[in-house]
PDBML (XML) file of the C-alpha atoms, coordinates in Angstrom:
<?xml version="1.0" encoding="UTF-8" ?>
<PDBx:datablock datablockName="MODEL"
   xmlns:PDBx="http://pdbml.pdb.org/schema/pdbx-v50.xsd"
   xmlns:xsi="http://www.w3.org/2001/XMLSchema-instance"
   xsi:schemaLocation="http://pdbml.pdb.org/schema/pdbx-v50.xsd pdbx-v50.xsd">
   <PDBx:atom_siteCategory>
      <PDBx:atom_site id="1">
         <PDBx:B_iso_or_equiv>0.00</PDBx:B_iso_or_equiv>
         <PDBx:Cartn_x>-116.041</PDBx:Cartn_x>
         <PDBx:Cartn_y>168.421</PDBx:Cartn_y>
         <PDBx:Cartn_z>108.078</PDBx:Cartn_z>
         <PDBx:auth_asym_id>A</PDBx:auth_asym_id>
         <PDBx:auth_atom_id>CA</PDBx:auth_atom_id>
         <PDBx:auth_comp_id>GLY</PDBx:auth_comp_id>
         <PDBx:auth_seq_id>1</PDBx:auth_seq_id>
         <PDBx:group_PDB>ATOM</PDBx:group_PDB>
         <PDBx:label_alt_id xsi:nil="true" />
         <PDBx:label_asym_id>A</PDBx:label_asym_id>
         <PDBx:label_atom_id>CA</PDBx:label_atom_id>
         <PDBx:label_comp_id>GLY</PDBx:label_comp_id>
         <PDBx:label_entity_id>1</PDBx:label_entity_id>
         <PDBx:label_seq_id>1</PDBx:label_seq_id>
         <PDBx:occupancy>1.00</PDBx:occupancy>
         <PDBx:pdbx_PDB_model_num>1</PDBx:pdbx_PDB_model_num>
         <PDBx:type_symbol>C</PDBx:type_symbol>
      </PDBx:atom_site>
      <PDBx:atom_site id="2">
         <PDBx:B_iso_or_equiv>0.00</PDBx:B_iso_or_equiv>
         <PDBx:Cartn_x>-113.600</PDBx:Cartn_x>
         <PDBx:Cartn_y>171.302</PDBx:Cartn_y>
         <PDBx:Cartn_z>108.260</PDBx:Cartn_z>
         <PDBx:auth_asym_id>A</PDBx:auth_asym_id>
         <PDBx:auth_atom_id>CA</PDBx:auth_atom_id>
         <PDBx:auth_comp_id>ILE</PDBx:auth_comp_id>
         <PDBx:auth_seq_id>2</PDBx:auth_seq_id>
         <PDBx:group_PDB>ATOM</PDBx:group_PDB>
         <PDBx:label_alt_id xsi:nil="true" />
         <PDBx:label_asym_id>A</PDBx:label_asym_id>
         <PDBx:label_atom_id>CA</PDBx:label_atom_id>
         <PDBx:label_comp_id>ILE</PDBx:label_comp_id>
         <PDBx:label_entity_id>1</PDBx:label_entity_id>
         <PDBx:label_seq_id>2</PDBx:label_seq_id>
         <PDBx:occupancy>1.00</PDBx:occupancy>
         <PDBx:pdbx_PDB_model_num>1</PDBx:pdbx_PDB_model_num>
         <PDBx:type_symbol>C</PDBx:type_symbol>
      </PDBx:atom_site>
      <PDBx:atom_site id="3">
         <PDBx:B_iso_or_equiv>0.00</PDBx:B_iso_or_equiv>
         <PDBx:Cartn_x>-113.268</PDBx:Cartn_x>
         <PDBx:Cartn_y>174.203</PDBx:Cartn_y>
         <PDBx:Cartn_z>110.729</PDBx:Cartn_z>
         <PDBx:auth_asym_id>A</PDBx:auth_asym_id>
         <PDBx:auth_atom_id>CA</PDBx:auth_atom_id>
         <PDBx:auth_comp_id>ILE</PDBx:auth_comp_id>
         <PDBx:auth_seq_id>3</PDBx:auth_seq_id>
         <PDBx:group_PDB>ATOM</PDBx:group_PDB>
         <PDBx:label_alt_id xsi:nil="true" />
         <PDBx:label_asym_id>A</PDBx:label_asym_id>
         <PDBx:label_atom_id>CA</PDBx:label_atom_id>
         <PDBx:label_comp_id>ILE</PDBx:label_comp_id>
         <PDBx:label_entity_id>1</PDBx:label_entity_id>
         <PDBx:label_seq_id>3</PDBx:label_seq_id>
         <PDBx:occupancy>1.00</PDBx:occupancy>
         <PDBx:pdbx_PDB_model_num>1</PDBx:pdbx_PDB_model_num>
         <PDBx:type_symbol>C</PDBx:type_symbol>
      </PDBx:atom_site>
      <PDBx:atom_site id="4">
         <PDBx:B_iso_or_equiv>0.00</PDBx:B_iso_or_equiv>
         <PDBx:Cartn_x>-112.135</PDBx:Cartn_x>
         <PDBx:Cartn_y>177.569</PDBx:Cartn_y>
         <PDBx:Cartn_z>109.355</PDBx:Cartn_z>
         <PDBx:auth_asym_id>A</PDBx:auth_asym_id>
         <PDBx:auth_atom_id>CA</PDBx:auth_atom_id>
         <PDBx:auth_comp_id>VAL</PDBx:auth_comp_id>
         <PDBx:auth_seq_id>4</PDBx:auth_seq_id>
         <PDBx:group_PDB>ATOM</PDBx:group_PDB>
         <PDBx:label_alt_id xsi:nil="true" />
         <PDBx:label_asym_id>A</PDBx:label_asym_id>
         <PDBx:label_atom_id>CA</PDBx:label_atom_id>
         <PDBx:label_comp_id>VAL</PDBx:label_comp_id>
         <PDBx:label_entity_id>1</PDBx:label_entity_id>
         <PDBx:label_seq_id>4</PDBx:label_seq_id>
         <PDBx:occupancy>1.00</PDBx:occupancy>
         <PDBx:pdbx_PDB_model_num>1</PDBx:pdbx_PDB_model_num>
         <PDBx:type_symbol>C</PDBx:type_symbol>
      </PDBx:atom_site>
      <PDBx:atom_site id="5">
         <PDBx:B_iso_or_equiv>0.00</PDBx:B_iso_or_equiv>
         <PDBx:Cartn_x>-110.865</PDBx:Cartn_x>
         <PDBx:Cartn_y>180.708</PDBx:Cartn_y>
         <PDBx:Cartn_z>111.085</PDBx:Cartn_z>
         <PDBx:auth_asym_id>A</PDBx:auth_asym_id>
         <PDBx:auth_atom_id>CA</PDBx:auth_atom_id>
         <PDBx:auth_comp_id>GLU</PDBx:auth_comp_id>
         <PDBx:auth_seq_id>5</PDBx:auth_seq_id>
         <PDBx:group_PDB>ATOM</PDBx:group_PDB>
         <PDBx:label_alt_id xsi:nil="true" />
         <PDBx:label_asym_id>A</PDBx:label_asym_id>
         <PDBx:label_atom_id>CA</PDBx:label_atom_id>
         <PDBx:label_comp_id>GLU</PDBx:label_comp_id>
         <PDBx:label_entity_id>1</PDBx:label_entity_id>
         <PDBx:label_seq_id>5</PDBx:label_seq_id>
         <PDBx:occupancy>1.00</PDBx:occupancy>
         <PDBx:pdbx_PDB_model_num>1</PDBx:pdbx_PDB_model_num>
         <PDBx:type_symbol>C</PDBx:type_symbol>
      </PDBx:atom_site>
      <PDBx:atom_site id="6">
         <PDBx:B_iso_or_equiv>0.00</PDBx:B_iso_or_equiv>
         <PDBx:Cartn_x>-113.665</PDBx:Cartn_x>
         <PDBx:Cartn_y>183.225</PDBx:Cartn_y>
         <PDBx:Cartn_z>111.577</PDBx:Cartn_z>
         <PDBx:auth_asym_id>A</PDBx:auth_asym_id>
         <PDBx:auth_atom_id>CA</PDBx:auth_atom_id>
         <PDBx:auth_comp_id>LYS</PDBx:auth_comp_id>
         <PDBx:auth_seq_id>6</PDBx:auth_seq_id>
         <PDBx:group_PDB>ATOM</PDBx:group_PDB>
         <PDBx:label_alt_id xsi:nil="true" />
         <PDBx:label_asym_id>A</PDBx:label_asym_id>
         <PDBx:label_atom_id>CA</PDBx:label_atom_id>
         <PDBx:label_comp_id>LYS</PDBx:label_comp_id>
         <PDBx:label_entity_id>1</PDBx:label_entity_id>
         <PDBx:label_seq_id>6</PDBx:label_seq_id>
         <PDBx:occupancy>1.00</PDBx:occupancy>
         <PDBx:pdbx_PDB_model_num>1</PDBx:pdbx_PDB_model_num>
         <PDBx:type_symbol>C</PDBx:type_symbol>
      </PDBx:atom_site>
      <PDBx:atom_site id="7">
         <PDBx:B_iso_or_equiv>0.00</PDBx:B_iso_or_equiv>
         <PDBx:Cartn_x>-113.988</PDBx:Cartn_x>
         <PDBx:Cartn_y>185.736</PDBx:Cartn_y>
         <PDBx:Cartn_z>108.742</PDBx:Cartn_z>
         <PDBx:auth_asym_id>A</PDBx:auth_asym_id>
         <PDBx:auth_atom_id>CA</PDBx:auth_atom_id>
         <PDBx:auth_comp_id>GLY</PDBx:auth_comp_id>
         <PDBx:auth_seq_id>7</PDBx:auth_seq_id>
         <PDBx:group_PDB>ATOM</PDBx:group_PDB>
         <PDBx:label_alt_id xsi:nil="true" />
         <PDBx:label_asym_id>A</PDBx:label_asym_id>
         <PDBx:label_atom_id>CA</PDBx:label_atom_id>
         <PDBx:label_comp_id>GLY</PDBx:label_comp_id>
         <PDBx:label_entity_id>1</PDBx:label_entity_id>
         <PDBx:label_seq_id>7</PDBx:label_seq_id>
         <PDBx:occupancy>1.00</PDBx:occupancy>
         <PDBx:pdbx_PDB_model_num>1</PDBx:pdbx_PDB_model_num>
         <PDBx:type_symbol>C</PDBx:type_symbol>
      </PDBx:atom_site>
      <PDBx:atom_site id="8">
         <PDBx:B_iso_or_equiv>0.00</PDBx:B_iso_or_equiv>
         <PDBx:Cartn_x>-111.518</PDBx:Cartn_x>
         <PDBx:Cartn_y>184.053</PDBx:Cartn_y>
         <PDBx:Cartn_z>106.378</PDBx:Cartn_z>
         <PDBx:auth_asym_id>A</PDBx:auth_asym_id>
         <PDBx:auth_atom_id>CA</PDBx:auth_atom_id>
         <PDBx:auth_comp_id>ASN</PDBx:auth_comp_id>
         <PDBx:auth_seq_id>8</PDBx:auth_seq_id>
         <PDBx:group_PDB>ATOM</PDBx:group_PDB>
         <PDBx:label_alt_id xsi:nil="true" />
         <PDBx:label_asym_id>A</PDBx:label_asym_id>
         <PDBx:label_atom_id>CA</PDBx:label_atom_id>
         <PDBx:label_comp_id>ASN</PDBx:label_comp_id>
         <PDBx:label_entity_id>1</PDBx:label_entity_id>
         <PDBx:label_seq_id>8</PDBx:label_seq_id>
         <PDBx:occupancy>1.00</PDBx:occupancy>
         <PDBx:pdbx_PDB_model_num>1</PDBx:pdbx_PDB_model_num>
         <PDBx:type_symbol>C</PDBx:type_symbol>
      </PDBx:atom_site>
      <PDBx:atom_site id="9">
         <PDBx:B_iso_or_equiv>0.00</PDBx:B_iso_or_equiv>
         <PDBx:Cartn_x>-113.540</PDBx:Cartn_x>
         <PDBx:Cartn_y>183.604</PDBx:Cartn_y>
         <PDBx:Cartn_z>103.178</PDBx:Cartn_z>
         <PDBx:auth_asym_id>A</PDBx:auth_asym_id>
         <PDBx:auth_atom_id>CA</PDBx:auth_atom_id>
         <PDBx:auth_comp_id>VAL</PDBx:auth_comp_id>
         <PDBx:auth_seq_id>9</PDBx:auth_seq_id>
         <PDBx:group_PDB>ATOM</PDBx:group_PDB>
         <PDBx:label_alt_id xsi:nil="true" />
         <PDBx:label_asym_id>A</PDBx:label_asym_id>
         <PDBx:label_atom_id>CA</PDBx:label_atom_id>
         <PDBx:label_comp_id>VAL</PDBx:label_comp_id>
         <PDBx:label_entity_id>1</PDBx:label_entity_id>
         <PDBx:label_seq_id>9</PDBx:label_seq_id>
         <PDBx:occupancy>1.00</PDBx:occupancy>
         <PDBx:pdbx_PDB_model_num>1</PDBx:pdbx_PDB_model_num>
         <PDBx:type_symbol>C</PDBx:type_symbol>
      </PDBx:atom_site>
      <PDBx:atom_site id="10">
         <PDBx:B_iso_or_equiv>0.00</PDBx:B_iso_or_equiv>
         <PDBx:Cartn_x>-110.478</PDBx:Cartn_x>
         <PDBx:Cartn_y>182.382</PDBx:Cartn_y>
         <PDBx:Cartn_z>101.298</PDBx:Cartn_z>
         <PDBx:auth_asym_id>A</PDBx:auth_asym_id>
         <PDBx:auth_atom_id>CA</PDBx:auth_atom_id>
         <PDBx:auth_comp_id>GLU</PDBx:auth_comp_id>
         <PDBx:auth_seq_id>10</PDBx:auth_seq_id>
         <PDBx:group_PDB>ATOM</PDBx:group_PDB>
         <PDBx:label_alt_id xsi:nil="true" />
         <PDBx:label_asym_id>A</PDBx:label_asym_id>
         <PDBx:label_atom_id>CA</PDBx:label_atom_id>
         <PDBx:label_comp_id>GLU</PDBx:label_comp_id>
         <PDBx:label_entity_id>1</PDBx:label_entity_id>
         <PDBx:label_seq_id>10</PDBx:label_seq_id>
         <PDBx:occupancy>1.00</PDBx:occupancy>
         <PDBx:pdbx_PDB_model_num>1</PDBx:pdbx_PDB_model_num>
         <PDBx:type_symbol>C</PDBx:type_symbol>
      </PDBx:atom_site>
      <PDBx:atom_site id="11">
         <PDBx:B_iso_or_equiv>0.00</PDBx:B_iso_or_equiv>
         <PDBx:Cartn_x>-110.076</PDBx:Cartn_x>
         <PDBx:Cartn_y>179.506</PDBx:Cartn_y>
         <PDBx:Cartn_z>103.774</PDBx:Cartn_z>
         <PDBx:auth_asym_id>A</PDBx:auth_asym_id>
         <PDBx:auth_atom_id>CA</PDBx:auth_atom_id>
         <PDBx:auth_comp_id>GLN</PDBx:auth_comp_id>
         <PDBx:auth_seq_id>11</PDBx:auth_seq_id>
         <PDBx:group_PDB>ATOM</PDBx:group_PDB>
         <PDBx:label_alt_id xsi:nil="true" />
         <PDBx:label_asym_id>A</PDBx:label_asym_id>
         <PDBx:label_atom_id>CA</PDBx:label_atom_id>
         <PDBx:label_comp_id>GLN</PDBx:label_comp_id>
         <PDBx:label_entity_id>1</PDBx:label_entity_id>
         <PDBx:label_seq_id>11</PDBx:label_seq_id>
         <PDBx:occupancy>1.00</PDBx:occupancy>
         <PDBx:pdbx_PDB_model_num>1</PDBx:pdbx_PDB_model_num>
         <PDBx:type_symbol>C</PDBx:type_symbol>
      </PDBx:atom_site>
      <PDBx:atom_site id="12">
         <PDBx:B_iso_or_equiv>0.00</PDBx:B_iso_or_equiv>
         <PDBx:Cartn_x>-113.819</PDBx:Cartn_x>
         <PDBx:Cartn_y>178.906</PDBx:Cartn_y>
         <PDBx:Cartn_z>103.588</PDBx:Cartn_z>
         <PDBx:auth_asym_id>A</PDBx:auth_asym_id>
         <PDBx:auth_atom_id>CA</PDBx:auth_atom_id>
         <PDBx:auth_comp_id>LEU</PDBx:auth_comp_id>
         <PDBx:auth_seq_id>12</PDBx:auth_seq_id>
         <PDBx:group_PDB>ATOM</PDBx:group_PDB>
         <PDBx:label_alt_id xsi:nil="true" />
         <PDBx:label_asym_id>A</PDBx:label_asym_id>
         <PDBx:label_atom_id>CA</PDBx:label_atom_id>
         <PDBx:label_comp_id>LEU</PDBx:label_comp_id>
         <PDBx:label_entity_id>1</PDBx:label_entity_id>
         <PDBx:label_seq_id>12</PDBx:label_seq_id>
         <PDBx:occupancy>1.00</PDBx:occupancy>
         <PDBx:pdbx_PDB_model_num>1</PDBx:pdbx_PDB_model_num>
         <PDBx:type_symbol>C</PDBx:type_symbol>
      </PDBx:atom_site>
      <PDBx:atom_site id="13">
         <PDBx:B_iso_or_equiv>0.00</PDBx:B_iso_or_equiv>
         <PDBx:Cartn_x>-113.639</PDBx:Cartn_x>
         <PDBx:Cartn_y>178.521</PDBx:Cartn_y>
         <PDBx:Cartn_z>99.821</PDBx:Cartn_z>
         <PDBx:auth_asym_id>A</PDBx:auth_asym_id>
         <PDBx:auth_atom_id>CA</PDBx:auth_atom_id>
         <PDBx:auth_comp_id>LEU</PDBx:auth_comp_id>
         <PDBx:auth_seq_id>13</PDBx:auth_seq_id>
         <PDBx:group_PDB>ATOM</PDBx:group_PDB>
         <PDBx:label_alt_id xsi:nil="true" />
         <PDBx:label_asym_id>A</PDBx:label_asym_id>
         <PDBx:label_atom_id>CA</PDBx:label_atom_id>
         <PDBx:label_comp_id>LEU</PDBx:label_comp_id>
         <PDBx:label_entity_id>1</PDBx:label_entity_id>
         <PDBx:label_seq_id>13</PDBx:label_seq_id>
         <PDBx:occupancy>1.00</PDBx:occupancy>
         <PDBx:pdbx_PDB_model_num>1</PDBx:pdbx_PDB_model_num>
         <PDBx:type_symbol>C</PDBx:type_symbol>
      </PDBx:atom_site>
      <PDBx:atom_site id="14">
         <PDBx:B_iso_or_equiv>0.00</PDBx:B_iso_or_equiv>
         <PDBx:Cartn_x>-110.580</PDBx:Cartn_x>
         <PDBx:Cartn_y>176.255</PDBx:Cartn_y>
         <PDBx:Cartn_z>100.085</PDBx:Cartn_z>
         <PDBx:auth_asym_id>A</PDBx:auth_asym_id>
         <PDBx:auth_atom_id>CA</PDBx:auth_atom_id>
         <PDBx:auth_comp_id>HIS</PDBx:auth_comp_id>
         <PDBx:auth_seq_id>14</PDBx:auth_seq_id>
         <PDBx:group_PDB>ATOM</PDBx:group_PDB>
         <PDBx:label_alt_id xsi:nil="true" />
         <PDBx:label_asym_id>A</PDBx:label_asym_id>
         <PDBx:label_atom_id>CA</PDBx:label_atom_id>
         <PDBx:label_comp_id>HIS</PDBx:label_comp_id>
         <PDBx:label_entity_id>1</PDBx:label_entity_id>
         <PDBx:label_seq_id>14</PDBx:label_seq_id>
         <PDBx:occupancy>1.00</PDBx:occupancy>
         <PDBx:pdbx_PDB_model_num>1</PDBx:pdbx_PDB_model_num>
         <PDBx:type_symbol>C</PDBx:type_symbol>
      </PDBx:atom_site>
      <PDBx:atom_site id="15">
         <PDBx:B_iso_or_equiv>0.00</PDBx:B_iso_or_equiv>
         <PDBx:Cartn_x>-112.380</PDBx:Cartn_x>
         <PDBx:Cartn_y>174.012</PDBx:Cartn_y>
         <PDBx:Cartn_z>102.613</PDBx:Cartn_z>
         <PDBx:auth_asym_id>A</PDBx:auth_asym_id>
         <PDBx:auth_atom_id>CA</PDBx:auth_atom_id>
         <PDBx:auth_comp_id>ALA</PDBx:auth_comp_id>
         <PDBx:auth_seq_id>15</PDBx:auth_seq_id>
         <PDBx:group_PDB>ATOM</PDBx:group_PDB>
         <PDBx:label_alt_id xsi:nil="true" />
         <PDBx:label_asym_id>A</PDBx:label_asym_id>
         <PDBx:label_atom_id>CA</PDBx:label_atom_id>
         <PDBx:label_comp_id>ALA</PDBx:label_comp_id>
         <PDBx:label_entity_id>1</PDBx:label_entity_id>
         <PDBx:label_seq_id>15</PDBx:label_seq_id>
         <PDBx:occupancy>1.00</PDBx:occupancy>
         <PDBx:pdbx_PDB_model_num>1</PDBx:pdbx_PDB_model_num>
         <PDBx:type_symbol>C</PDBx:type_symbol>
      </PDBx:atom_site>
      <PDBx:atom_site id="16">
         <PDBx:B_iso_or_equiv>0.00</PDBx:B_iso_or_equiv>
         <PDBx:Cartn_x>-115.396</PDBx:Cartn_x>
         <PDBx:Cartn_y>173.742</PDBx:Cartn_y>
         <PDBx:Cartn_z>100.300</PDBx:Cartn_z>
         <PDBx:auth_asym_id>A</PDBx:auth_asym_id>
         <PDBx:auth_atom_id>CA</PDBx:auth_atom_id>
         <PDBx:auth_comp_id>ILE</PDBx:auth_comp_id>
         <PDBx:auth_seq_id>16</PDBx:auth_seq_id>
         <PDBx:group_PDB>ATOM</PDBx:group_PDB>
         <PDBx:label_alt_id xsi:nil="true" />
         <PDBx:label_asym_id>A</PDBx:label_asym_id>
         <PDBx:label_atom_id>CA</PDBx:label_atom_id>
         <PDBx:label_comp_id>ILE</PDBx:label_comp_id>
         <PDBx:label_entity_id>1</PDBx:label_entity_id>
         <PDBx:label_seq_id>16</PDBx:label_seq_id>
         <PDBx:occupancy>1.00</PDBx:occupancy>
         <PDBx:pdbx_PDB_model_num>1</PDBx:pdbx_PDB_model_num>
         <PDBx:type_symbol>C</PDBx:type_symbol>
      </PDBx:atom_site>
      <PDBx:atom_site id="17">
         <PDBx:B_iso_or_equiv>0.00</PDBx:B_iso_or_equiv>
         <PDBx:Cartn_x>-113.140</PDBx:Cartn_x>
         <PDBx:Cartn_y>172.784</PDBx:Cartn_y>
         <PDBx:Cartn_z>97.387</PDBx:Cartn_z>
         <PDBx:auth_asym_id>A</PDBx:auth_asym_id>
         <PDBx:auth_atom_id>CA</PDBx:auth_atom_id>
         <PDBx:auth_comp_id>LYS</PDBx:auth_comp_id>
         <PDBx:auth_seq_id>17</PDBx:auth_seq_id>
         <PDBx:group_PDB>ATOM</PDBx:group_PDB>
         <PDBx:label_alt_id xsi:nil="true" />
         <PDBx:label_asym_id>A</PDBx:label_asym_id>
         <PDBx:label_atom_id>CA</PDBx:label_atom_id>
         <PDBx:label_comp_id>LYS</PDBx:label_comp_id>
         <PDBx:label_entity_id>1</PDBx:label_entity_id>
         <PDBx:label_seq_id>17</PDBx:label_seq_id>
         <PDBx:occupancy>1.00</PDBx:occupancy>
         <PDBx:pdbx_PDB_model_num>1</PDBx:pdbx_PDB_model_num>
         <PDBx:type_symbol>C</PDBx:type_symbol>
      </PDBx:atom_site>
      <PDBx:atom_site id="18">
         <PDBx:B_iso_or_equiv>0.00</PDBx:B_iso_or_equiv>
         <PDBx:Cartn_x>-111.389</PDBx:Cartn_x>
         <PDBx:Cartn_y>170.178</PDBx:Cartn_y>
         <PDBx:Cartn_z>99.554</PDBx:Cartn_z>
         <PDBx:auth_asym_id>A</PDBx:auth_asym_id>
         <PDBx:auth_atom_id>CA</PDBx:auth_atom_id>
         <PDBx:auth_comp_id>THR</PDBx:auth_comp_id>
         <PDBx:auth_seq_id>18</PDBx:auth_seq_id>
         <PDBx:group_PDB>ATOM</PDBx:group_PDB>
         <PDBx:label_alt_id xsi:nil="true" />
         <PDBx:label_asym_id>A</PDBx:label_asym_id>
         <PDBx:label_atom_id>CA</PDBx:label_atom_id>
         <PDBx:label_comp_id>THR</PDBx:label_comp_id>
         <PDBx:label_entity_id>1</PDBx:label_entity_id>
         <PDBx:label_seq_id>18</PDBx:label_seq_id>
         <PDBx:occupancy>1.00</PDBx:occupancy>
         <PDBx:pdbx_PDB_model_num>1</PDBx:pdbx_PDB_model_num>
         <PDBx:type_symbol>C</PDBx:type_symbol>
      </PDBx:atom_site>
      <PDBx:atom_site id="19">
         <PDBx:B_iso_or_equiv>0.00</PDBx:B_iso_or_equiv>
         <PDBx:Cartn_x>-114.726</PDBx:Cartn_x>
         <PDBx:Cartn_y>168.506</PDBx:Cartn_y>
         <PDBx:Cartn_z>100.248</PDBx:Cartn_z>
         <PDBx:auth_asym_id>A</PDBx:auth_asym_id>
         <PDBx:auth_atom_id>CA</PDBx:auth_atom_id>
         <PDBx:auth_comp_id>ILE</PDBx:auth_comp_id>
         <PDBx:auth_seq_id>19</PDBx:auth_seq_id>
         <PDBx:group_PDB>ATOM</PDBx:group_PDB>
         <PDBx:label_alt_id xsi:nil="true" />
         <PDBx:label_asym_id>A</PDBx:label_asym_id>
         <PDBx:label_atom_id>CA</PDBx:label_atom_id>
         <PDBx:label_comp_id>ILE</PDBx:label_comp_id>
         <PDBx:label_entity_id>1</PDBx:label_entity_id>
         <PDBx:label_seq_id>19</PDBx:label_seq_id>
         <PDBx:occupancy>1.00</PDBx:occupancy>
         <PDBx:pdbx_PDB_model_num>1</PDBx:pdbx_PDB_model_num>
         <PDBx:type_symbol>C</PDBx:type_symbol>
      </PDBx:atom_site>
      <PDBx:atom_site id="20">
         <PDBx:B_iso_or_equiv>0.00</PDBx:B_iso_or_equiv>
         <PDBx:Cartn_x>-115.675</PDBx:Cartn_x>
         <PDBx:Cartn_y>168.831</PDBx:Cartn_y>
         <PDBx:Cartn_z>96.583</PDBx:Cartn_z>
         <PDBx:auth_asym_id>A</PDBx:auth_asym_id>
         <PDBx:auth_atom_id>CA</PDBx:auth_atom_id>
         <PDBx:auth_comp_id>GLN</PDBx:auth_comp_id>
         <PDBx:auth_seq_id>20</PDBx:auth_seq_id>
         <PDBx:group_PDB>ATOM</PDBx:group_PDB>
         <PDBx:label_alt_id xsi:nil="true" />
         <PDBx:label_asym_id>A</PDBx:label_asym_id>
         <PDBx:label_atom_id>CA</PDBx:label_atom_id>
         <PDBx:label_comp_id>GLN</PDBx:label_comp_id>
         <PDBx:label_entity_id>1</PDBx:label_entity_id>
         <PDBx:label_seq_id>20</PDBx:label_seq_id>
         <PDBx:occupancy>1.00</PDBx:occupancy>
         <PDBx:pdbx_PDB_model_num>1</PDBx:pdbx_PDB_model_num>
         <PDBx:type_symbol>C</PDBx:type_symbol>
      </PDBx:atom_site>
      <PDBx:atom_site id="21">
         <PDBx:B_iso_or_equiv>0.00</PDBx:B_iso_or_equiv>
         <PDBx:Cartn_x>-112.454</PDBx:Cartn_x>
         <PDBx:Cartn_y>167.093</PDBx:Cartn_y>
         <PDBx:Cartn_z>95.512</PDBx:Cartn_z>
         <PDBx:auth_asym_id>A</PDBx:auth_asym_id>
         <PDBx:auth_atom_id>CA</PDBx:auth_atom_id>
         <PDBx:auth_comp_id>ASN</PDBx:auth_comp_id>
         <PDBx:auth_seq_id>21</PDBx:auth_seq_id>
         <PDBx:group_PDB>ATOM</PDBx:group_PDB>
         <PDBx:label_alt_id xsi:nil="true" />
         <PDBx:label_asym_id>A</PDBx:label_asym_id>
         <PDBx:label_atom_id>CA</PDBx:label_atom_id>
         <PDBx:label_comp_id>ASN</PDBx:label_comp_id>
         <PDBx:label_entity_id>1</PDBx:label_entity_id>
         <PDBx:label_seq_id>21</PDBx:label_seq_id>
         <PDBx:occupancy>1.00</PDBx:occupancy>
         <PDBx:pdbx_PDB_model_num>1</PDBx:pdbx_PDB_model_num>
         <PDBx:type_symbol>C</PDBx:type_symbol>
      </PDBx:atom_site>
      <PDBx:atom_site id="22">
         <PDBx:B_iso_or_equiv>0.00</PDBx:B_iso_or_equiv>
         <PDBx:Cartn_x>-112.872</PDBx:Cartn_x>
         <PDBx:Cartn_y>164.282</PDBx:Cartn_y>
         <PDBx:Cartn_z>98.024</PDBx:Cartn_z>
         <PDBx:auth_asym_id>A</PDBx:auth_asym_id>
         <PDBx:auth_atom_id>CA</PDBx:auth_atom_id>
         <PDBx:auth_comp_id>ARG</PDBx:auth_comp_id>
         <PDBx:auth_seq_id>22</PDBx:auth_seq_id>
         <PDBx:group_PDB>ATOM</PDBx:group_PDB>
         <PDBx:label_alt_id xsi:nil="true" />
         <PDBx:label_asym_id>A</PDBx:label_asym_id>
         <PDBx:label_atom_id>CA</PDBx:label_atom_id>
         <PDBx:label_comp_id>ARG</PDBx:label_comp_id>
         <PDBx:label_entity_id>1</PDBx:label_entity_id>
         <PDBx:label_seq_id>22</PDBx:label_seq_id>
         <PDBx:occupancy>1.00</PDBx:occupancy>
         <PDBx:pdbx_PDB_model_num>1</PDBx:pdbx_PDB_model_num>
         <PDBx:type_symbol>C</PDBx:type_symbol>
      </PDBx:atom_site>
      <PDBx:atom_site id="23">
         <PDBx:B_iso_or_equiv>0.00</PDBx:B_iso_or_equiv>
         <PDBx:Cartn_x>-116.559</PDBx:Cartn_x>
         <PDBx:Cartn_y>163.876</PDBx:Cartn_y>
         <PDBx:Cartn_z>97.237</PDBx:Cartn_z>
         <PDBx:auth_asym_id>A</PDBx:auth_asym_id>
         <PDBx:auth_atom_id>CA</PDBx:auth_atom_id>
         <PDBx:auth_comp_id>GLY</PDBx:auth_comp_id>
         <PDBx:auth_seq_id>23</PDBx:auth_seq_id>
         <PDBx:group_PDB>ATOM</PDBx:group_PDB>
         <PDBx:label_alt_id xsi:nil="true" />
         <PDBx:label_asym_id>A</PDBx:label_asym_id>
         <PDBx:label_atom_id>CA</PDBx:label_atom_id>
         <PDBx:label_comp_id>GLY</PDBx:label_comp_id>
         <PDBx:label_entity_id>1</PDBx:label_entity_id>
         <PDBx:label_seq_id>23</PDBx:label_seq_id>
         <PDBx:occupancy>1.00</PDBx:occupancy>
         <PDBx:pdbx_PDB_model_num>1</PDBx:pdbx_PDB_model_num>
         <PDBx:type_symbol>C</PDBx:type_symbol>
      </PDBx:atom_site>
      <PDBx:atom_site id="24">
         <PDBx:B_iso_or_equiv>0.00</PDBx:B_iso_or_equiv>
         <PDBx:Cartn_x>-119.482</PDBx:Cartn_x>
         <PDBx:Cartn_y>163.805</PDBx:Cartn_y>
         <PDBx:Cartn_z>99.652</PDBx:Cartn_z>
         <PDBx:auth_asym_id>A</PDBx:auth_asym_id>
         <PDBx:auth_atom_id>CA</PDBx:auth_atom_id>
         <PDBx:auth_comp_id>LYS</PDBx:auth_comp_id>
         <PDBx:auth_seq_id>24</PDBx:auth_seq_id>
         <PDBx:group_PDB>ATOM</PDBx:group_PDB>
         <PDBx:label_alt_id xsi:nil="true" />
         <PDBx:label_asym_id>A</PDBx:label_asym_id>
         <PDBx:label_atom_id>CA</PDBx:label_atom_id>
         <PDBx:label_comp_id>LYS</PDBx:label_comp_id>
         <PDBx:label_entity_id>1</PDBx:label_entity_id>
         <PDBx:label_seq_id>24</PDBx:label_seq_id>
         <PDBx:occupancy>1.00</PDBx:occupancy>
         <PDBx:pdbx_PDB_model_num>1</PDBx:pdbx_PDB_model_num>
         <PDBx:type_symbol>C</PDBx:type_symbol>
      </PDBx:atom_site>
      <PDBx:atom_site id="25">
         <PDBx:B_iso_or_equiv>0.00</PDBx:B_iso_or_equiv>
         <PDBx:Cartn_x>-119.322</PDBx:Cartn_x>
         <PDBx:Cartn_y>159.996</PDBx:Cartn_y>
         <PDBx:Cartn_z>99.811</PDBx:Cartn_z>
         <PDBx:auth_asym_id>A</PDBx:auth_asym_id>
         <PDBx:auth_atom_id>CA</PDBx:auth_atom_id>
         <PDBx:auth_comp_id>SER</PDBx:auth_comp_id>
         <PDBx:auth_seq_id>25</PDBx:auth_seq_id>
         <PDBx:group_PDB>ATOM</PDBx:group_PDB>
         <PDBx:label_alt_id xsi:nil="true" />
         <PDBx:label_asym_id>A</PDBx:label_asym_id>
         <PDBx:label_atom_id>CA</PDBx:label_atom_id>
         <PDBx:label_comp_id>SER</PDBx:label_comp_id>
         <PDBx:label_entity_id>1</PDBx:label_entity_id>
         <PDBx:label_seq_id>25</PDBx:label_seq_id>
         <PDBx:occupancy>1.00</PDBx:occupancy>
         <PDBx:pdbx_PDB_model_num>1</PDBx:pdbx_PDB_model_num>
         <PDBx:type_symbol>C</PDBx:type_symbol>
      </PDBx:atom_site>
   </PDBx:atom_siteCategory>
</PDBx:datablock>
């Protein structure tokens, strides 16, 4: 997974997209 600085929604969204691009597998 990925750890994001507290309260940074932009980083949160970027982390989600990183996982989406790599794929759950």
